Amino acid sequence: NIYQILKKHGYDDDHIVVIMEDDLAKNANNPEQGVLYSRMDGVNVYQNVQVDYHPSQLTPKDIPEILLGHASERLPHVVHADSDDNIFFFWSGHGALGELCWCDAWEGITKDDLERGLSKLEQSGNYRKLIGCIETCYSGGVAEAADNHKGMLFFTAANAYETSKADEYNYNWDVWMSNRFTATLQDCMINTPTQSFAYLYNQLFLSTVGSHVCVYGQRGFGSLYNSYLTEILQ
């Protein structure tokens, strides 16, 4: 769904890196083959999605390399940014205490892993602002890495010590469709893209039930009232 929103705002596939296992749309248990919904009344968000990587083809150490623009034969699709570019980073999945889970591996992305990657990005100067949104359990414990970095702001669905809750259950398919943090983020990107990040935080905090939405990096980022969603949607 995030991919479709970015496409509607004018992003082309050369400016979007999509990492997902891509094992749902054509799964034998999917009652509508080739179709994915994130809302009961939604549209097919799988339509024309260009998947760049499957997580099973990567390791957690590849994520900083992709953000830093370090292309290689194994990593041909990376973020090509410079000091005038804003980078939007969205992550949805499972989390454990102190890490973002990675496929079935024992080790995921930790706060220290993200800290090293963000430090290298800051040293490179190849970004104007970095906006991250992470929807996992215990996500705050990893996003704390954004604190004290210049121009980096992370929103999380939960703090470092709590789980994040699913939302909108499809009784016909016996599956959870999404979560309130991500659904609210998408609504704001679609309906109120000119609003500030302060407004976004307020909407995420008030709408998300069962966990505490947190924001990290604001000290090095500056006023959330003077930065706007349009900065990552133009």
C-alpha atoms as a PDB file:
ATOM      1  CA  ASN A   1       0.000   0.000   0.000  1.00  0.00           C
ATOM      2  CA  ILE A   2       2.870   2.385   0.794  1.00  0.00           C
ATOM      3  CA  TYR A   3       4.303   1.580  -2.635  1.00  0.00           C
ATOM      4  CA  GLN A   4       1.019   2.487  -4.334  1.00  0.00           C
ATOM      5  CA  ILE A   5       0.820   5.778  -2.419  1.00  0.00           C
ATOM      6  CA  LEU A   6       4.347   6.745  -3.454  1.00  0.00           C
ATOM      7  CA  LYS A   7       3.558   5.893  -7.071  1.00  0.00           C
ATOM      8  CA  LYS A   8       0.480   8.135  -6.989  1.00  0.00           C
ATOM      9  CA  HIS A   9       2.658  10.960  -5.700  1.00  0.00           C
ATOM     10  CA  GLY A  10       4.908  10.669  -8.740  1.00  0.00           C
ATOM     11  CA  TYR A  11       7.701   8.342  -7.622  1.00  0.00           C
ATOM     12  CA  ASP A  12       8.975   6.011 -10.322  1.00  0.00           C
ATOM     13  CA  ASP A  13      10.370   2.547  -9.642  1.00  0.00           C
ATOM     14  CA  ASP A  14      13.947   3.809  -9.951  1.00  0.00           C
ATOM     15  CA  HIS A  15      13.331   5.867  -6.811  1.00  0.00           C
ATOM     16  CA  ILE A  16      11.669   3.118  -4.761  1.00  0.00           C
ATOM     17  CA  VAL A  17      13.435   0.058  -3.338  1.00  0.00           C
ATOM     18  CA  VAL A  18      10.914  -2.665  -2.471  1.00  0.00           C
ATOM     19  CA  ILE A  19      11.989  -5.498  -0.183  1.00  0.00           C
ATOM     20  CA  MET A  20       9.376  -8.150   0.517  1.00  0.00           C
ATOM     21  CA  GLU A  21       9.229 -11.910   0.394  1.00  0.00           C
ATOM     22  CA  ASP A  22       6.432 -11.805  -2.201  1.00  0.00           C
ATOM     23  CA  ASP A  23       4.910 -15.098  -1.073  1.00  0.00           C
ATOM     24  CA  LEU A  24       1.303 -14.032  -0.396  1.00  0.00           C
ATOM     25  CA  ALA A  25      -0.341 -12.892  -3.626  1.00  0.00           C
ATOM     26  CA  LYS A  26       0.115 -16.225  -5.397  1.00  0.00           C
ATOM     27  CA  ASN A  27       0.059 -18.392  -2.292  1.00  0.00           C
ATOM     28  CA  ALA A  28      -2.136 -21.457  -2.573  1.00  0.00           C
ATOM     29  CA  ASN A  29      -4.101 -20.302   0.491  1.00  0.00           C
ATOM     30  CA  ASN A  30      -4.931 -16.918  -1.058  1.00  0.00           C
ATOM     31  CA  PRO A  31      -8.613 -17.073  -2.148  1.00  0.00           C
ATOM     32  CA  GLU A  32      -7.987 -14.358  -4.773  1.00  0.00           C
ATOM     33  CA  GLN A  33      -4.846 -15.316  -6.651  1.00  0.00           C
ATOM     34  CA  GLY A  34      -2.553 -12.425  -7.511  1.00  0.00           C
ATOM     35  CA  VAL A  35      -4.446 -10.026  -5.282  1.00  0.00           C
ATOM     36  CA  LEU A  36      -3.557  -8.451  -1.926  1.00  0.00           C
ATOM     37  CA  TYR A  37      -5.731  -6.215   0.234  1.00  0.00           C
ATOM     38  CA  SER A  38      -4.722  -4.207   3.291  1.00  0.00           C
ATOM     39  CA  ARG A  39      -8.283  -2.993   3.968  1.00  0.00           C
ATOM     40  CA  MET A  40     -11.621  -4.773   3.857  1.00  0.00           C
ATOM     41  CA  ASP A  41     -12.920  -2.195   1.377  1.00  0.00           C
ATOM     42  CA  GLY A  42      -9.551  -1.577  -0.251  1.00  0.00           C
ATOM     43  CA  VAL A  43      -8.079  -2.083  -3.689  1.00  0.00           C
ATOM     44  CA  ASN A  44      -5.496  -4.581  -4.907  1.00  0.00           C
ATOM     45  CA  VAL A  45      -2.257  -3.134  -3.526  1.00  0.00           C
ATOM     46  CA  TYR A  46      -0.213  -5.801  -5.320  1.00  0.00           C
ATOM     47  CA  GLN A  47      -1.008  -4.427  -8.760  1.00  0.00           C
ATOM     48  CA  ASN A  48       2.137  -3.675 -10.792  1.00  0.00           C
ATOM     49  CA  VAL A  49       4.404  -3.800  -7.730  1.00  0.00           C
ATOM     50  CA  GLN A  50       8.050  -4.114  -8.750  1.00  0.00           C
ATOM     51  CA  VAL A  51       9.836  -6.177  -6.098  1.00  0.00           C
ATOM     52  CA  ASP A  52      13.567  -5.476  -5.979  1.00  0.00           C
ATOM     53  CA  TYR A  53      14.661  -7.968  -3.292  1.00  0.00           C
ATOM     54  CA  HIS A  54      13.326 -10.835  -1.230  1.00  0.00           C
ATOM     55  CA  PRO A  55      14.529 -10.723   2.394  1.00  0.00           C
ATOM     56  CA  SER A  56      15.665 -14.330   2.019  1.00  0.00           C
ATOM     57  CA  GLN A  57      18.149 -13.091  -0.603  1.00  0.00           C
ATOM     58  CA  LEU A  58      19.626 -10.467   1.724  1.00  0.00           C
ATOM     59  CA  THR A  59      21.106 -10.150   5.194  1.00  0.00           C
ATOM     60  CA  PRO A  60      20.488  -7.430   7.790  1.00  0.00           C
ATOM     61  CA  LYS A  61      23.872  -5.911   6.905  1.00  0.00           C
ATOM     62  CA  ASP A  62      22.592  -5.187   3.397  1.00  0.00           C
ATOM     63  CA  ILE A  63      20.043  -2.606   4.560  1.00  0.00           C
ATOM     64  CA  PRO A  64      22.637   0.096   5.433  1.00  0.00           C
ATOM     65  CA  GLU A  65      24.428  -0.629   2.150  1.00  0.00           C
ATOM     66  CA  ILE A  66      21.204  -0.024   0.237  1.00  0.00           C
ATOM     67  CA  LEU A  67      20.509   3.213   2.134  1.00  0.00           C
ATOM     68  CA  LEU A  68      24.081   4.386   1.545  1.00  0.00           C
ATOM     69  CA  GLY A  69      23.784   3.800  -2.195  1.00  0.00           C
ATOM     70  CA  HIS A  70      26.525   1.155  -2.324  1.00  0.00           C
ATOM     71  CA  ALA A  71      25.473  -0.663  -5.481  1.00  0.00           C
ATOM     72  CA  SER A  72      27.122  -3.942  -6.441  1.00  0.00           C
ATOM     73  CA  GLU A  73      26.462  -6.930  -8.636  1.00  0.00           C
ATOM     74  CA  ARG A  74      24.529  -8.500  -5.744  1.00  0.00           C
ATOM     75  CA  LEU A  75      22.839  -5.226  -4.737  1.00  0.00           C
ATOM     76  CA  PRO A  76      21.992  -3.443  -7.986  1.00  0.00           C
ATOM     77  CA  HIS A  77      18.999  -1.537  -6.585  1.00  0.00           C
ATOM     78  CA  VAL A  78      20.026   1.056  -3.989  1.00  0.00           C
ATOM     79  CA  VAL A  79      19.071   4.561  -2.852  1.00  0.00           C
ATOM     80  CA  HIS A  80      20.855   7.090  -5.064  1.00  0.00           C
ATOM     81  CA  ALA A  81      20.582  10.193  -2.879  1.00  0.00           C
ATOM     82  CA  ASP A  82      22.591  13.370  -2.417  1.00  0.00           C
ATOM     83  CA  SER A  83      22.490  16.287   0.019  1.00  0.00           C
ATOM     84  CA  ASP A  84      19.322  17.700  -1.602  1.00  0.00           C
ATOM     85  CA  ASP A  85      17.288  14.502  -1.322  1.00  0.00           C
ATOM     86  CA  ASN A  86      14.885  13.342   1.365  1.00  0.00           C
ATOM     87  CA  ILE A  87      14.775   9.595   2.114  1.00  0.00           C
ATOM     88  CA  PHE A  88      11.645   7.808   3.333  1.00  0.00           C
ATOM     89  CA  PHE A  89      12.184   4.475   5.111  1.00  0.00           C
ATOM     90  CA  PHE A  90       9.181   2.249   5.922  1.00  0.00           C
ATOM     91  CA  TRP A  91       9.461  -1.104   7.700  1.00  0.00           C
ATOM     92  CA  SER A  92       6.656  -3.464   8.657  1.00  0.00           C
ATOM     93  CA  GLY A  93       7.160  -6.893  10.190  1.00  0.00           C
ATOM     94  CA  HIS A  94       7.922  -8.639  13.450  1.00  0.00           C
ATOM     95  CA  GLY A  95      10.102  -7.370  16.256  1.00  0.00           C
ATOM     96  CA  ALA A  96      11.733  -8.710  19.394  1.00  0.00           C
ATOM     97  CA  LEU A  97      13.333  -6.924  22.319  1.00  0.00           C
ATOM     98  CA  GLY A  98      16.084  -4.791  20.832  1.00  0.00           C
ATOM     99  CA  GLU A  99      15.784  -5.924  17.219  1.00  0.00           C
ATOM    100  CA  LEU A 100      13.754  -6.040  14.034  1.00  0.00           C
ATOM    101  CA  CYS A 101      13.262  -9.687  13.077  1.00  0.00           C
ATOM    102  CA  TRP A 102      14.687 -10.912   9.781  1.00  0.00           C
ATOM    103  CA  CYS A 103      12.966 -13.857   8.074  1.00  0.00           C
ATOM    104  CA  ASP A 104      13.640 -16.985  10.118  1.00  0.00           C
ATOM    105  CA  ALA A 105      17.148 -15.948  11.105  1.00  0.00           C
ATOM    106  CA  TRP A 106      18.207 -15.855  14.733  1.00  0.00           C
ATOM    107  CA  GLU A 107      19.724 -12.419  14.295  1.00  0.00           C
ATOM    108  CA  GLY A 108      17.863  -9.370  13.027  1.00  0.00           C
ATOM    109  CA  ILE A 109      18.614  -5.652  12.846  1.00  0.00           C
ATOM    110  CA  THR A 110      19.584  -4.272  16.245  1.00  0.00           C
ATOM    111  CA  LYS A 111      19.832  -0.730  17.539  1.00  0.00           C
ATOM    112  CA  ASP A 112      23.615  -0.919  17.128  1.00  0.00           C
ATOM    113  CA  ASP A 113      23.240  -2.086  13.517  1.00  0.00           C
ATOM    114  CA  LEU A 114      20.962   0.855  12.731  1.00  0.00           C
ATOM    115  CA  GLU A 115      23.215   3.238  14.646  1.00  0.00           C
ATOM    116  CA  ARG A 116      26.223   2.244  12.537  1.00  0.00           C
ATOM    117  CA  GLY A 117      24.243   2.626   9.330  1.00  0.00           C
ATOM    118  CA  LEU A 118      22.820   6.021  10.276  1.00  0.00           C
ATOM    119  CA  SER A 119      26.261   7.251  11.365  1.00  0.00           C
ATOM    120  CA  LYS A 120      27.740   6.286   7.996  1.00  0.00           C
ATOM    121  CA  LEU A 121      24.863   7.983   6.195  1.00  0.00           C
ATOM    122  CA  GLU A 122      25.340  11.147   8.237  1.00  0.00           C
ATOM    123  CA  GLN A 123      29.069  11.139   7.515  1.00  0.00           C
ATOM    124  CA  SER A 124      28.428  10.707   3.790  1.00  0.00           C
ATOM    125  CA  GLY A 125      26.119  13.715   3.708  1.00  0.00           C
ATOM    126  CA  ASN A 126      24.036  12.024   1.007  1.00  0.00           C
ATOM    127  CA  TYR A 127      20.643  13.049   2.326  1.00  0.00           C
ATOM    128  CA  ARG A 128      18.751  16.165   3.372  1.00  0.00           C
ATOM    129  CA  LYS A 129      16.295  14.491   5.726  1.00  0.00           C
ATOM    130  CA  LEU A 130      15.595  10.861   6.589  1.00  0.00           C
ATOM    131  CA  ILE A 131      12.079   9.985   7.752  1.00  0.00           C
ATOM    132  CA  GLY A 132      11.536   6.472   9.096  1.00  0.00           C
ATOM    133  CA  CYS A 133       8.317   4.710  10.098  1.00  0.00           C
ATOM    134  CA  ILE A 134       8.648   1.309  11.769  1.00  0.00           C
ATOM    135  CA  GLU A 135       5.695  -0.958  12.532  1.00  0.00           C
ATOM    136  CA  THR A 136       6.890  -3.864  14.668  1.00  0.00           C
ATOM    137  CA  CYS A 137       6.673  -4.972  18.256  1.00  0.00           C
ATOM    138  CA  TYR A 138       9.348  -3.325  20.446  1.00  0.00           C
ATOM    139  CA  SER A 139      10.233  -1.020  17.543  1.00  0.00           C
ATOM    140  CA  GLY A 140      11.210   1.890  19.788  1.00  0.00           C
ATOM    141  CA  GLY A 141      14.216  -0.029  21.079  1.00  0.00           C
ATOM    142  CA  VAL A 142      15.770   0.010  17.607  1.00  0.00           C
ATOM    143  CA  ALA A 143      14.653   3.453  16.438  1.00  0.00           C
ATOM    144  CA  GLU A 144      16.365   5.018  19.463  1.00  0.00           C
ATOM    145  CA  ALA A 145      19.434   4.881  17.211  1.00  0.00           C
ATOM    146  CA  ALA A 146      18.125   7.999  15.440  1.00  0.00           C
ATOM    147  CA  ASP A 147      18.626  10.161  18.535  1.00  0.00           C
ATOM    148  CA  ASN A 148      21.345  12.781  18.163  1.00  0.00           C
ATOM    149  CA  HIS A 149      21.712  12.329  14.408  1.00  0.00           C
ATOM    150  CA  LYS A 150      21.194  15.343  12.203  1.00  0.00           C
ATOM    151  CA  GLY A 151      18.055  15.458  10.095  1.00  0.00           C
ATOM    152  CA  MET A 152      16.764  11.991  11.002  1.00  0.00           C
ATOM    153  CA  LEU A 153      13.301  11.353  12.419  1.00  0.00           C
ATOM    154  CA  PHE A 154      11.729   7.970  13.237  1.00  0.00           C
ATOM    155  CA  PHE A 155       8.146   7.161  14.200  1.00  0.00           C
ATOM    156  CA  THR A 156       7.449   3.762  15.780  1.00  0.00           C
ATOM    157  CA  ALA A 157       4.252   1.858  16.478  1.00  0.00           C
ATOM    158  CA  ALA A 158       5.450   0.801  19.937  1.00  0.00           C
ATOM    159  CA  ASN A 159       8.035   1.721  22.521  1.00  0.00           C
ATOM    160  CA  ALA A 160      11.020  -0.454  23.372  1.00  0.00           C
ATOM    161  CA  TYR A 161       9.150  -2.696  25.802  1.00  0.00           C
ATOM    162  CA  GLU A 162       5.752  -3.455  24.324  1.00  0.00           C
ATOM    163  CA  THR A 163       4.118  -5.301  21.468  1.00  0.00           C
ATOM    164  CA  SER A 164       2.258  -3.723  18.572  1.00  0.00           C
ATOM    165  CA  LYS A 165      -1.272  -4.875  17.799  1.00  0.00           C
ATOM    166  CA  ALA A 166      -2.900  -5.954  14.545  1.00  0.00           C
ATOM    167  CA  ASP A 167      -6.040  -4.233  13.325  1.00  0.00           C
ATOM    168  CA  GLU A 168      -8.975  -4.891  10.947  1.00  0.00           C
ATOM    169  CA  TYR A 169      -9.733  -8.591  10.955  1.00  0.00           C
ATOM    170  CA  ASN A 170     -11.098 -10.339   7.863  1.00  0.00           C
ATOM    171  CA  TYR A 171     -13.479 -12.991   9.192  1.00  0.00           C
ATOM    172  CA  ASN A 172     -14.061 -14.449   5.727  1.00  0.00           C
ATOM    173  CA  TRP A 173     -10.361 -15.197   5.267  1.00  0.00           C
ATOM    174  CA  ASP A 174      -9.470 -15.631   8.938  1.00  0.00           C
ATOM    175  CA  VAL A 175      -6.568 -13.175   8.737  1.00  0.00           C
ATOM    176  CA  TRP A 176      -5.542  -9.775  10.075  1.00  0.00           C
ATOM    177  CA  MET A 177      -5.362  -7.205   7.282  1.00  0.00           C
ATOM    178  CA  SER A 178      -3.118  -4.523   8.754  1.00  0.00           C
ATOM    179  CA  ASN A 179      -2.471  -2.478  11.903  1.00  0.00           C
ATOM    180  CA  ARG A 180      -3.735   0.906  13.039  1.00  0.00           C
ATOM    181  CA  PHE A 181      -0.316   2.612  12.991  1.00  0.00           C
ATOM    182  CA  THR A 182       0.252   1.808   9.315  1.00  0.00           C
ATOM    183  CA  ALA A 183      -3.374   2.446   8.313  1.00  0.00           C
ATOM    184  CA  THR A 184      -3.267   5.889   9.952  1.00  0.00           C
ATOM    185  CA  LEU A 185       0.069   6.673   8.302  1.00  0.00           C
ATOM    186  CA  GLN A 186      -1.416   5.774   4.930  1.00  0.00           C
ATOM    187  CA  ASP A 187      -4.542   7.866   5.576  1.00  0.00           C
ATOM    188  CA  CYS A 188      -2.394  10.896   6.409  1.00  0.00           C
ATOM    189  CA  MET A 189      -0.227  10.406   3.314  1.00  0.00           C
ATOM    190  CA  ILE A 190      -3.356  10.259   1.150  1.00  0.00           C
ATOM    191  CA  ASN A 191      -5.731  12.738   2.806  1.00  0.00           C
ATOM    192  CA  THR A 192      -3.536  15.320   4.569  1.00  0.00           C
ATOM    193  CA  PRO A 193      -0.139  15.311   2.793  1.00  0.00           C
ATOM    194  CA  THR A 194       0.436  19.031   3.453  1.00  0.00           C
ATOM    195  CA  GLN A 195       0.287  18.594   7.222  1.00  0.00           C
ATOM    196  CA  SER A 196       3.326  18.779   9.508  1.00  0.00           C
ATOM    197  CA  PHE A 197       5.127  15.861  11.124  1.00  0.00           C
ATOM    198  CA  ALA A 198       3.760  17.148  14.438  1.00  0.00           C
ATOM    199  CA  TYR A 199       0.265  16.569  13.055  1.00  0.00           C
ATOM    200  CA  LEU A 200       1.284  13.114  11.823  1.00  0.00           C
ATOM    201  CA  TYR A 201       2.626  12.151  15.247  1.00  0.00           C
ATOM    202  CA  ASN A 202      -0.576  13.396  16.898  1.00  0.00           C
ATOM    203  CA  GLN A 203      -2.735  11.334  14.537  1.00  0.00           C
ATOM    204  CA  LEU A 204      -0.611   8.213  14.947  1.00  0.00           C
ATOM    205  CA  PHE A 205      -0.571   8.535  18.737  1.00  0.00           C
ATOM    206  CA  LEU A 206      -4.323   9.084  19.076  1.00  0.00           C
ATOM    207  CA  SER A 207      -5.318   6.376  16.593  1.00  0.00           C
ATOM    208  CA  THR A 208      -3.039   3.518  17.612  1.00  0.00           C
ATOM    209  CA  VAL A 209      -4.547   1.287  20.302  1.00  0.00           C
ATOM    210  CA  GLY A 210      -2.655  -1.156  22.527  1.00  0.00           C
ATOM    211  CA  SER A 211       0.801   0.413  22.174  1.00  0.00           C
ATOM    212  CA  HIS A 212       2.444   3.807  22.508  1.00  0.00           C
ATOM    213  CA  VAL A 213       3.516   5.529  19.292  1.00  0.00           C
ATOM    214  CA  CYS A 214       6.940   7.119  19.819  1.00  0.00           C
ATOM    215  CA  VAL A 215       9.125   9.565  17.912  1.00  0.00           C
ATOM    216  CA  TYR A 216      12.938   9.586  17.942  1.00  0.00           C
ATOM    217  CA  GLY A 217      15.598  11.933  16.633  1.00  0.00           C
ATOM    218  CA  GLN A 218      13.680  15.172  17.096  1.00  0.00           C
ATOM    219  CA  ARG A 219      16.554  16.902  18.870  1.00  0.00           C
ATOM    220  CA  GLY A 220      18.754  16.681  15.784  1.00  0.00           C
ATOM    221  CA  PHE A 221      15.856  17.042  13.370  1.00  0.00           C
ATOM    222  CA  GLY A 222      14.374  20.352  14.426  1.00  0.00           C
ATOM    223  CA  SER A 223      10.791  21.490  14.830  1.00  0.00           C
ATOM    224  CA  LEU A 224       8.173  18.940  13.824  1.00  0.00           C
ATOM    225  CA  TYR A 225       5.810  21.856  13.240  1.00  0.00           C
ATOM    226  CA  ASN A 226       7.980  23.292  10.463  1.00  0.00           C
ATOM    227  CA  SER A 227       8.569  20.061   8.513  1.00  0.00           C
ATOM    228  CA  TYR A 228       5.853  18.524   6.364  1.00  0.00           C
ATOM    229  CA  LEU A 229       4.761  15.257   4.814  1.00  0.00           C
ATOM    230  CA  THR A 230       5.114  16.861   1.396  1.00  0.00           C
ATOM    231  CA  GLU A 231       8.878  16.676   1.875  1.00  0.00           C
ATOM    232  CA  ILE A 232       8.727  12.916   1.308  1.00  0.00           C
ATOM    233  CA  LEU A 233       5.803  12.972  -1.103  1.00  0.00           C
ATOM    234  CA  GLN A 234       7.155  15.277  -3.808  1.00  0.00           C
END
